PDB file of N, CA and C in Angstrom:
ATOM      1  N   MET A   1       0.762  -1.157  -0.028  1.00  0.00           N
ATOM      2  CA  MET A   1      -0.035   0.005   0.341  1.00  0.00           C
ATOM      3  C   MET A   1       0.884   1.257  -0.136  1.00  0.00           C
ATOM      4  N   GLU A   2       0.678   2.187  -1.062  1.00  0.00           N
ATOM      5  CA  GLU A   2       1.371   3.280  -0.999  1.00  0.00           C
ATOM      6  C   GLU A   2       1.025   4.469   0.274  1.00  0.00           C
ATOM      7  N   VAL A   3       1.831   5.094   0.716  1.00  0.00           N
ATOM      8  CA  VAL A   3       1.627   5.962   1.455  1.00  0.00           C
ATOM      9  C   VAL A   3       1.690   7.522   1.029  1.00  0.00           C
ATOM     10  N   LEU A   4       0.891   8.193   1.029  1.00  0.00           N
ATOM     11  CA  LEU A   4       0.833   9.590   0.303  1.00  0.00           C
ATOM     12  C   LEU A   4       1.422  10.600   1.568  1.00  0.00           C
ATOM     13  N   ILE A   5       2.570  11.247   1.458  1.00  0.00           N
ATOM     14  CA  ILE A   5       2.833  12.390   2.274  1.00  0.00           C
ATOM     15  C   ILE A   5       2.315  13.553   1.743  1.00  0.00           C
ATOM     16  N   VAL A   6       1.564  14.394   2.512  1.00  0.00           N
ATOM     17  CA  VAL A   6       0.968  15.474   2.433  1.00  0.00           C
ATOM     18  C   VAL A   6       1.657  16.731   3.029  1.00  0.00           C
ATOM     19  N   LYS A   7       2.066  17.710   2.371  1.00  0.00           N
ATOM     20  CA  LYS A   7       2.576  18.927   3.042  1.00  0.00           C
ATOM     21  C   LYS A   7       1.837  20.009   3.224  1.00  0.00           C
ATOM     22  N   ARG A   8       1.728  20.645   4.123  1.00  0.00           N
ATOM     23  CA  ARG A   8       0.851  22.014   4.254  1.00  0.00           C
ATOM     24  C   ARG A   8       1.796  23.096   3.623  1.00  0.00           C
ATOM     25  N   ILE A   9       1.179  23.957   2.626  1.00  0.00           N
ATOM     26  CA  ILE A   9       1.964  25.226   2.478  1.00  0.00           C
ATOM     27  C   ILE A   9       0.888  26.447   2.586  1.00  0.00           C
ATOM     28  N   MET A  10       1.509  27.411   2.461  1.00  0.00           N
ATOM     29  CA  MET A  10       0.898  28.706   2.441  1.00  0.00           C
ATOM     30  C   MET A  10       0.862  29.496   1.159  1.00  0.00           C
ATOM     31  N   ILE A  11      -0.052  29.784   0.712  1.00  0.00           N
ATOM     32  CA  ILE A  11       0.053  30.602  -0.616  1.00  0.00           C
ATOM     33  C   ILE A  11      -0.647  31.874  -0.259  1.00  0.00           C
ATOM     34  N   THR A  12      -0.412  32.971  -1.432  1.00  0.00           N
ATOM     35  CA  THR A  12      -1.005  34.251  -0.994  1.00  0.00           C
ATOM     36  C   THR A  12      -1.666  34.530  -2.470  1.00  0.00           C
ATOM     37  N   ILE A  13      -3.178  34.845  -2.171  1.00  0.00           N
ATOM     38  CA  ILE A  13      -3.803  35.149  -3.400  1.00  0.00           C
ATOM     39  C   ILE A  13      -4.923  36.168  -3.179  1.00  0.00           C
ATOM     40  N   THR A  14      -5.382  36.797  -3.992  1.00  0.00           N
ATOM     41  CA  THR A  14      -6.386  37.880  -3.726  1.00  0.00           C
ATOM     42  C   THR A  14      -7.756  37.456  -3.190  1.00  0.00           C
ATOM     43  N   SER A  15      -8.265  38.365  -2.591  1.00  0.00           N
ATOM     44  CA  SER A  15      -9.807  38.014  -1.812  1.00  0.00           C
ATOM     45  C   SER A  15     -10.891  37.553  -2.898  1.00  0.00           C
ATOM     46  N   GLU A  16     -10.685  38.342  -4.388  1.00  0.00           N
ATOM     47  CA  GLU A  16     -11.458  37.758  -5.311  1.00  0.00           C
ATOM     48  C   GLU A  16     -11.259  36.391  -5.712  1.00  0.00           C
ATOM     49  N   LEU A  17     -10.025  36.005  -5.917  1.00  0.00           N
ATOM     50  CA  LEU A  17      -9.755  34.938  -6.076  1.00  0.00           C
ATOM     51  C   LEU A  17      -9.874  33.607  -5.100  1.00  0.00           C
ATOM     52  N   LEU A  18      -9.935  34.231  -4.122  1.00  0.00           N
ATOM     53  CA  LEU A  18     -10.342  33.311  -2.937  1.00  0.00           C
ATOM     54  C   LEU A  18     -11.822  32.953  -3.035  1.00  0.00           C
ATOM     55  N   GLY A  19     -12.493  34.047  -3.268  1.00  0.00           N
ATOM     56  CA  GLY A  19     -14.003  33.933  -3.480  1.00  0.00           C
ATOM     57  C   GLY A  19     -14.390  33.064  -4.294  1.00  0.00           C
ATOM     58  N   ASP A  20     -13.612  33.197  -5.624  1.00  0.00           N
ATOM     59  CA  ASP A  20     -13.858  32.112  -6.655  1.00  0.00           C
ATOM     60  C   ASP A  20     -13.643  30.639  -6.238  1.00  0.00           C
ATOM     61  N   VAL A  21     -12.346  30.664  -5.762  1.00  0.00           N
ATOM     62  CA  VAL A  21     -12.130  29.146  -5.346  1.00  0.00           C
ATOM     63  C   VAL A  21     -13.251  28.698  -4.360  1.00  0.00           C
ATOM     64  N   ASP A  22     -13.443  29.365  -3.493  1.00  0.00           N
ATOM     65  CA  ASP A  22     -14.685  28.878  -2.412  1.00  0.00           C
ATOM     66  C   ASP A  22     -15.682  28.685  -3.282  1.00  0.00           C
ATOM     67  N   SER A  23     -16.295  29.354  -4.295  1.00  0.00           N
ATOM     68  CA  SER A  23     -17.517  29.220  -4.868  1.00  0.00           C
ATOM     69  C   SER A  23     -17.471  28.012  -5.563  1.00  0.00           C
ATOM     70  N   ALA A  24     -16.351  27.843  -6.285  1.00  0.00           N
ATOM     71  CA  ALA A  24     -16.219  26.537  -7.159  1.00  0.00           C
ATOM     72  C   ALA A  24     -16.145  25.361  -6.456  1.00  0.00           C
ATOM     73  N   ALA A  25     -15.398  25.450  -5.106  1.00  0.00           N
ATOM     74  CA  ALA A  25     -15.162  24.112  -4.206  1.00  0.00           C
ATOM     75  C   ALA A  25     -16.765  23.911  -3.894  1.00  0.00           C
ATOM     76  N   GLN A  26     -17.605  24.787  -3.491  1.00  0.00           N
ATOM     77  CA  GLN A  26     -18.806  24.517  -2.996  1.00  0.00           C
ATOM     78  C   GLN A  26     -19.601  23.958  -4.037  1.00  0.00           C
ATOM     79  N   ARG A  27     -19.494  24.296  -5.301  1.00  0.00           N
ATOM     80  CA  ARG A  27     -20.286  23.770  -6.431  1.00  0.00           C
ATOM     81  C   ARG A  27     -19.907  22.330  -6.900  1.00  0.00           C
ATOM     82  N   LEU A  28     -18.611  22.132  -6.718  1.00  0.00           N
ATOM     83  CA  LEU A  28     -17.942  20.794  -6.776  1.00  0.00           C
ATOM     84  C   LEU A  28     -17.926  20.039  -5.660  1.00  0.00           C
ATOM     85  N   LYS A  29     -18.635  20.197  -4.529  1.00  0.00           N
ATOM     86  CA  LYS A  29     -18.602  19.712  -3.119  1.00  0.00           C
ATOM     87  C   LYS A  29     -17.269  19.245  -2.766  1.00  0.00           C
ATOM     88  N   GLN A  30     -16.325  20.232  -2.922  1.00  0.00           N
ATOM     89  CA  GLN A  30     -14.990  19.832  -2.763  1.00  0.00           C
ATOM     90  C   GLN A  30     -14.491  20.948  -1.503  1.00  0.00           C
ATOM     91  N   ASN A  31     -13.563  20.771  -0.798  1.00  0.00           N
ATOM     92  CA  ASN A  31     -12.927  21.801  -0.009  1.00  0.00           C
ATOM     93  C   ASN A  31     -11.710  22.558  -0.649  1.00  0.00           C
ATOM     94  N   ARG A  32     -11.301  23.733  -0.210  1.00  0.00           N
ATOM     95  CA  ARG A  32     -10.201  24.445  -0.909  1.00  0.00           C
ATOM     96  C   ARG A  32      -9.209  23.518  -1.429  1.00  0.00           C
ATOM     97  N   SER A  33      -8.771  22.790  -0.429  1.00  0.00           N
ATOM     98  CA  SER A  33      -7.449  22.017  -0.841  1.00  0.00           C
ATOM     99  C   SER A  33      -7.902  21.149  -1.905  1.00  0.00           C
ATOM    100  N   GLN A  34      -8.710  20.388  -1.850  1.00  0.00           N
ATOM    101  CA  GLN A  34      -8.981  19.554  -3.099  1.00  0.00           C
ATOM    102  C   GLN A  34      -9.111  20.128  -4.441  1.00  0.00           C
ATOM    103  N   LEU A  35      -9.855  21.311  -4.183  1.00  0.00           N
ATOM    104  CA  LEU A  35     -10.099  22.136  -5.698  1.00  0.00           C
ATOM    105  C   LEU A  35      -8.613  22.592  -6.056  1.00  0.00           C
ATOM    106  N   ILE A  36      -7.666  23.172  -5.236  1.00  0.00           N
ATOM    107  CA  ILE A  36      -6.676  23.659  -5.540  1.00  0.00           C
ATOM    108  C   ILE A  36      -5.680  22.663  -5.960  1.00  0.00           C
ATOM    109  N   ARG A  37      -5.491  21.281  -5.459  1.00  0.00           N
ATOM    110  CA  ARG A  37      -4.626  20.292  -5.892  1.00  0.00           C
ATOM    111  C   ARG A  37      -5.133  19.813  -7.018  1.00  0.00           C
ATOM    112  N   ARG A  38      -6.503  19.866  -7.460  1.00  0.00           N
ATOM    113  CA  ARG A  38      -6.996  19.368  -8.754  1.00  0.00           C
ATOM    114  C   ARG A  38      -6.479  20.388  -9.645  1.00  0.00           C
ATOM    115  N   ALA A  39      -6.414  21.586  -9.278  1.00  0.00           N
ATOM    116  CA  ALA A  39      -6.416  22.799 -10.414  1.00  0.00           C
ATOM    117  C   ALA A  39      -5.140  22.557 -10.723  1.00  0.00           C
ATOM    118  N   VAL A  40      -4.081  22.624  -9.877  1.00  0.00           N
ATOM    119  CA  VAL A  40      -2.601  22.363 -10.146  1.00  0.00           C
ATOM    120  C   VAL A  40      -2.520  21.142 -10.813  1.00  0.00           C
ATOM    121  N   THR A  41      -2.851  20.092 -10.392  1.00  0.00           N
ATOM    122  CA  THR A  41      -2.637  18.690 -11.087  1.00  0.00           C
ATOM    123  C   THR A  41      -2.872  19.071 -12.612  1.00  0.00           C
ATOM    124  N   ASP A  42      -4.159  19.629 -12.922  1.00  0.00           N
ATOM    125  CA  ASP A  42      -4.641  19.769 -14.204  1.00  0.00           C
ATOM    126  C   ASP A  42      -3.735  20.672 -15.128  1.00  0.00           C
ATOM    127  N   PHE A  43      -3.096  21.691 -14.488  1.00  0.00           N
ATOM    128  CA  PHE A  43      -2.271  22.788 -15.018  1.00  0.00           C
ATOM    129  C   PHE A  43      -0.955  22.066 -15.328  1.00  0.00           C
ATOM    130  N   LEU A  44      -0.502  21.188 -14.480  1.00  0.00           N
ATOM    131  CA  LEU A  44       0.934  20.506 -14.694  1.00  0.00           C
ATOM    132  C   LEU A  44       0.689  19.613 -16.006  1.00  0.00           C
ATOM    133  N   GLN A  45      -0.334  18.907 -15.881  1.00  0.00           N
ATOM    134  CA  GLN A  45      -0.595  17.991 -16.956  1.00  0.00           C
ATOM    135  C   GLN A  45      -0.774  18.662 -18.369  1.00  0.00           C
ATOM    136  N   GLN A  46      -1.377  19.729 -18.312  1.00  0.00           N
ATOM    137  CA  GLN A  46      -1.481  20.629 -19.578  1.00  0.00           C
ATOM    138  C   GLN A  46      -0.093  21.168 -20.064  1.00  0.00           C
ATOM    139  N   LEU A  47       0.680  21.531 -18.930  1.00  0.00           N
ATOM    140  CA  LEU A  47       1.795  22.255 -19.184  1.00  0.00           C
ATOM    141  C   LEU A  47       2.936  21.053 -19.818  1.00  0.00           C
ATOM    142  N   LYS A  48       2.721  19.662 -19.381  1.00  0.00           N
ATOM    143  CA  LYS A  48       3.359  18.703 -19.854  1.00  0.00           C
ATOM    144  C   LYS A  48       3.042  18.251 -21.257  1.00  0.00           C
ATOM    145  N   GLN A  49       1.737  18.176 -21.470  1.00  0.00           N
ATOM    146  CA  GLN A  49       1.301  18.032 -22.915  1.00  0.00           C
ATOM    147  C   GLN A  49       1.821  18.939 -23.755  1.00  0.00           C
ATOM    148  N   LYS A  50       1.782  20.433 -23.310  1.00  0.00           N
ATOM    149  CA  LYS A  50       2.299  21.427 -24.334  1.00  0.00           C
ATOM    150  C   LYS A  50       3.734  21.095 -24.502  1.00  0.00           C
ATOM    151  N   GLU A  51       4.409  20.939 -23.633  1.00  0.00           N
ATOM    152  CA  GLU A  51       6.054  20.463 -23.937  1.00  0.00           C
ATOM    153  C   GLU A  51       6.052  19.439 -24.705  1.00  0.00           C
ATOM    154  N   PHE A  52       5.300  18.365 -24.477  1.00  0.00           N
ATOM    155  CA  PHE A  52       5.434  17.166 -25.522  1.00  0.00           C
ATOM    156  C   PHE A  52       5.284  17.564 -26.792  1.00  0.00           C
ATOM    157  N   GLU A  53       4.106  18.390 -27.095  1.00  0.00           N
ATOM    158  CA  GLU A  53       3.418  18.819 -28.405  1.00  0.00           C
ATOM    159  C   GLU A  53       4.544  19.397 -28.915  1.00  0.00           C
ATOM    160  N   ALA A  54       5.216  20.564 -28.206  1.00  0.00           N
ATOM    161  CA  ALA A  54       6.451  21.089 -28.779  1.00  0.00           C
ATOM    162  C   ALA A  54       7.622  20.342 -29.236  1.00  0.00           C
ATOM    163  N   LEU A  55       7.868  19.425 -28.600  1.00  0.00           N
ATOM    164  CA  LEU A  55       9.050  18.405 -29.163  1.00  0.00           C
ATOM    165  C   LEU A  55       8.448  17.665 -30.090  1.00  0.00           C
ATOM    166  N   MET A  56       7.317  17.178 -30.251  1.00  0.00           N
ATOM    167  CA  MET A  56       6.782  16.631 -31.401  1.00  0.00           C
ATOM    168  C   MET A  56       6.892  17.369 -32.689  1.00  0.00           C
ATOM    169  N   ALA A  57       6.277  18.649 -32.378  1.00  0.00           N
ATOM    170  CA  ALA A  57       6.463  19.617 -33.667  1.00  0.00           C
ATOM    171  C   ALA A  57       7.935  19.838 -34.182  1.00  0.00           C
ATOM    172  N   GLU A  58       8.924  19.908 -33.239  1.00  0.00           N
ATOM    173  CA  GLU A  58      10.233  19.981 -33.655  1.00  0.00           C
ATOM    174  C   GLU A  58      10.738  18.832 -34.295  1.00  0.00           C
ATOM    175  N   GLY A  59      10.413  17.598 -33.840  1.00  0.00           N
ATOM    176  CA  GLY A  59      10.918  16.356 -34.515  1.00  0.00           C
ATOM    177  C   GLY A  59      10.185  16.216 -35.729  1.00  0.00           C
ATOM    178  N   TYR A  60       8.951  16.753 -35.996  1.00  0.00           N
ATOM    179  CA  TYR A  60       8.417  16.628 -37.474  1.00  0.00           C
ATOM    180  C   TYR A  60       9.138  17.700 -38.436  1.00  0.00           C
ATOM    181  N   LYS A  61       9.699  18.636 -37.677  1.00  0.00           N
ATOM    182  CA  LYS A  61      10.134  19.863 -38.749  1.00  0.00           C
ATOM    183  C   LYS A  61      11.365  19.109 -38.827  1.00  0.00           C
ATOM    184  N   GLU A  62      12.344  18.285 -38.041  1.00  0.00           N
ATOM    185  CA  GLU A  62      13.573  17.828 -38.494  1.00  0.00           C
ATOM    186  C   GLU A  62      13.594  16.534 -39.460  1.00  0.00           C
ATOM    187  N   ILE A  63      12.125  16.075 -39.254  1.00  0.00           N
ATOM    188  CA  ILE A  63      12.013  14.834 -40.323  1.00  0.00           C
ATOM    189  C   ILE A  63      11.798  15.469 -41.561  1.00  0.00           C
ATOM    190  N   SER A  64      10.878  16.646 -41.441  1.00  0.00           N
ATOM    191  CA  SER A  64      10.771  17.104 -42.990  1.00  0.00           C
ATOM    192  C   SER A  64      11.857  17.761 -43.556  1.00  0.00           C
ATOM    193  N   ARG A  65      12.950  18.429 -42.825  1.00  0.00           N
ATOM    194  CA  ARG A  65      14.132  18.608 -43.463  1.00  0.00           C
ATOM    195  C   ARG A  65      15.007  17.307 -43.930  1.00  0.00           C
ATOM    196  N   GLU A  66      15.082  16.387 -43.186  1.00  0.00           N
ATOM    197  CA  GLU A  66      15.773  15.287 -43.598  1.00  0.00           C
ATOM    198  C   GLU A  66      15.040  14.577 -44.992  1.00  0.00           C
ATOM    199  N   ASP A  67      13.705  14.596 -44.981  1.00  0.00           N
ATOM    200  CA  ASP A  67      12.991  14.205 -46.286  1.00  0.00           C
ATOM    201  C   ASP A  67      13.373  15.128 -47.418  1.00  0.00           C
ATOM    202  N   SER A  68      13.466  16.335 -47.090  1.00  0.00           N
ATOM    203  CA  SER A  68      13.820  17.399 -48.342  1.00  0.00           C
ATOM    204  C   SER A  68      15.338  16.925 -48.716  1.00  0.00           C
ATOM    205  N   SER A  69      16.002  16.575 -47.870  1.00  0.00           N
ATOM    206  CA  SER A  69      17.532  16.290 -48.208  1.00  0.00           C
ATOM    207  C   SER A  69      17.512  15.020 -48.962  1.00  0.00           C
ATOM    208  N   ILE A  70      16.700  14.218 -48.576  1.00  0.00           N
ATOM    209  CA  ILE A  70      16.625  12.927 -49.337  1.00  0.00           C
ATOM    210  C   ILE A  70      16.083  13.000 -50.721  1.00  0.00           C
ATOM    211  N   VAL A  71      14.890  13.811 -50.825  1.00  0.00           N
ATOM    212  CA  VAL A  71      14.471  14.059 -52.014  1.00  0.00           C
ATOM    213  C   VAL A  71      15.614  15.153 -53.143  1.00  0.00           C
ATOM    214  N   ALA A  72      16.148  15.899 -52.462  1.00  0.00           N
ATOM    215  CA  ALA A  72      17.092  16.482 -53.237  1.00  0.00           C
ATOM    216  C   ALA A  72      18.348  15.439 -53.662  1.00  0.00           C
ATOM    217  N   GLU A  73      18.735  14.713 -52.830  1.00  0.00           N
ATOM    218  CA  GLU A  73      19.818  13.825 -53.006  1.00  0.00           C
ATOM    219  C   GLU A  73      19.281  12.634 -54.513  1.00  0.00           C
ATOM    220  N   SER A  74      17.872  12.551 -54.341  1.00  0.00           N
ATOM    221  CA  SER A  74      17.325  11.479 -55.483  1.00  0.00           C
ATOM    222  C   SER A  74      17.116  12.200 -56.965  1.00  0.00           C
ATOM    223  N   ARG A  75      17.193  13.585 -56.933  1.00  0.00           N
ATOM    224  CA  ARG A  75      16.865  14.119 -58.228  1.00  0.00           C
ATOM    225  C   ARG A  75      17.646  13.843 -59.395  1.00  0.00           C
ATOM    226  N   PRO A  76      19.129  13.736 -58.887  1.00  0.00           N
ATOM    227  CA  PRO A  76      19.873  13.240 -60.201  1.00  0.00           C
ATOM    228  C   PRO A  76      19.528  11.694 -60.637  1.00  0.00           C
ATOM    229  N   LEU A  77      18.983  10.911 -59.906  1.00  0.00           N
ATOM    230  CA  LEU A  77      18.527   9.540 -60.111  1.00  0.00           C
ATOM    231  C   LEU A  77      17.326   9.680 -61.081  1.00  0.00           C
ATOM    232  N   GLN A  78      16.296  10.689 -60.698  1.00  0.00           N
ATOM    233  CA  GLN A  78      15.100  10.737 -61.280  1.00  0.00           C
ATOM    234  C   GLN A  78      15.445  11.497 -62.769  1.00  0.00           C
ATOM    235  N   ALA A  79      16.220  12.253 -62.907  1.00  0.00           N
ATOM    236  CA  ALA A  79      16.616  13.118 -64.156  1.00  0.00           C
ATOM    237  C   ALA A  79      17.200  11.967 -64.960  1.00  0.00           C
ATOM    238  N   ALA A  80      18.065  11.110 -64.487  1.00  0.00           N
ATOM    239  CA  ALA A  80      18.693   9.914 -65.331  1.00  0.00           C
ATOM    240  C   ALA A  80      17.610   9.061 -65.695  1.00  0.00           C
ATOM    241  N   ALA A  81      16.889   8.552 -65.119  1.00  0.00           N
ATOM    242  CA  ALA A  81      15.600   7.745 -65.352  1.00  0.00           C
ATOM    243  C   ALA A  81      14.835   8.652 -66.537  1.00  0.00           C
ATOM    244  N   ALA A  82      14.482   9.912 -66.148  1.00  0.00           N
ATOM    245  CA  ALA A  82      13.682  10.491 -67.082  1.00  0.00           C
ATOM    246  C   ALA A  82      14.302  10.839 -68.579  1.00  0.00           C
ATOM    247  N   GLU A  83      15.478  11.026 -68.565  1.00  0.00           N
ATOM    248  CA  GLU A  83      16.444  10.993 -69.881  1.00  0.00           C
ATOM    249  C   GLU A  83      16.401   9.674 -70.767  1.00  0.00           C
ATOM    250  N   GLY A  84      15.872   8.421 -70.044  1.00  0.00           N
ATOM    251  CA  GLY A  84      16.065   7.325 -70.831  1.00  0.00           C
ATOM    252  C   GLY A  84      17.206   6.432 -70.476  1.00  0.00           C
ATOM    253  N   ILE A  85      18.252   6.912 -69.528  1.00  0.00           N
ATOM    254  CA  ILE A  85      19.057   6.168 -69.181  1.00  0.00           C
ATOM    255  C   ILE A  85      18.760   4.485 -68.914  1.00  0.00           C
ATOM    256  N   TRP A  86      17.684   4.682 -68.156  1.00  0.00           N
ATOM    257  CA  TRP A  86      17.244   3.351 -67.769  1.00  0.00           C
ATOM    258  C   TRP A  86      15.899   3.145 -68.661  1.00  0.00           C
ATOM    259  N   GLU A  87      15.848   2.158 -69.639  1.00  0.00           N
ATOM    260  CA  GLU A  87      14.683   1.634 -70.260  1.00  0.00           C
ATOM    261  C   GLU A  87      14.170   0.627 -69.806  1.00  0.00           C
ATOM    262  N   TRP A  88      12.833   0.840 -70.136  1.00  0.00           N
ATOM    263  CA  TRP A  88      11.913  -0.287 -69.448  1.00  0.00           C
ATOM    264  C   TRP A  88      11.619  -1.272 -70.574  1.00  0.00           C
ATOM    265  N   ASN A  89      11.611  -2.357 -70.401  1.00  0.00           N
ATOM    266  CA  ASN A  89      11.477  -3.567 -71.364  1.00  0.00           C
ATOM    267  C   ASN A  89      10.054  -4.294 -71.107  1.00  0.00           C
ATOM    268  N   ASP A  90       9.298  -4.033 -71.979  1.00  0.00           N
ATOM    269  CA  ASP A  90       7.970  -4.707 -71.519  1.00  0.00           C
ATOM    270  C   ASP A  90       7.971  -6.198 -72.126  1.00  0.00           C
ATOM    271  N   GLU A  91       8.945  -6.610 -72.741  1.00  0.00           N
ATOM    272  CA  GLU A  91       8.900  -7.937 -73.336  1.00  0.00           C
ATOM    273  C   GLU A  91       8.780  -8.805 -72.455  1.00  0.00           C
TER     274      GLU A  91
END
């Protein structure tokens, strides 16, 4: 069985934000701590997802650059084939 260690922290927020937190917690039938833990957890998951998507986008860009290089390298072969150096024999 996993034992969770809970730490108590102190944060500073505006009165308006605290009111919004309390209102949301009440609507969700949670206490402040539960709501804030949930909000922080969701935020961190979204942050990880955005960072992952940025890494994937960079990977796709790199693959695109590599693909362009391969295409450029194959152009002489395509040109040679188009000039009839390679003849197709249907017999």
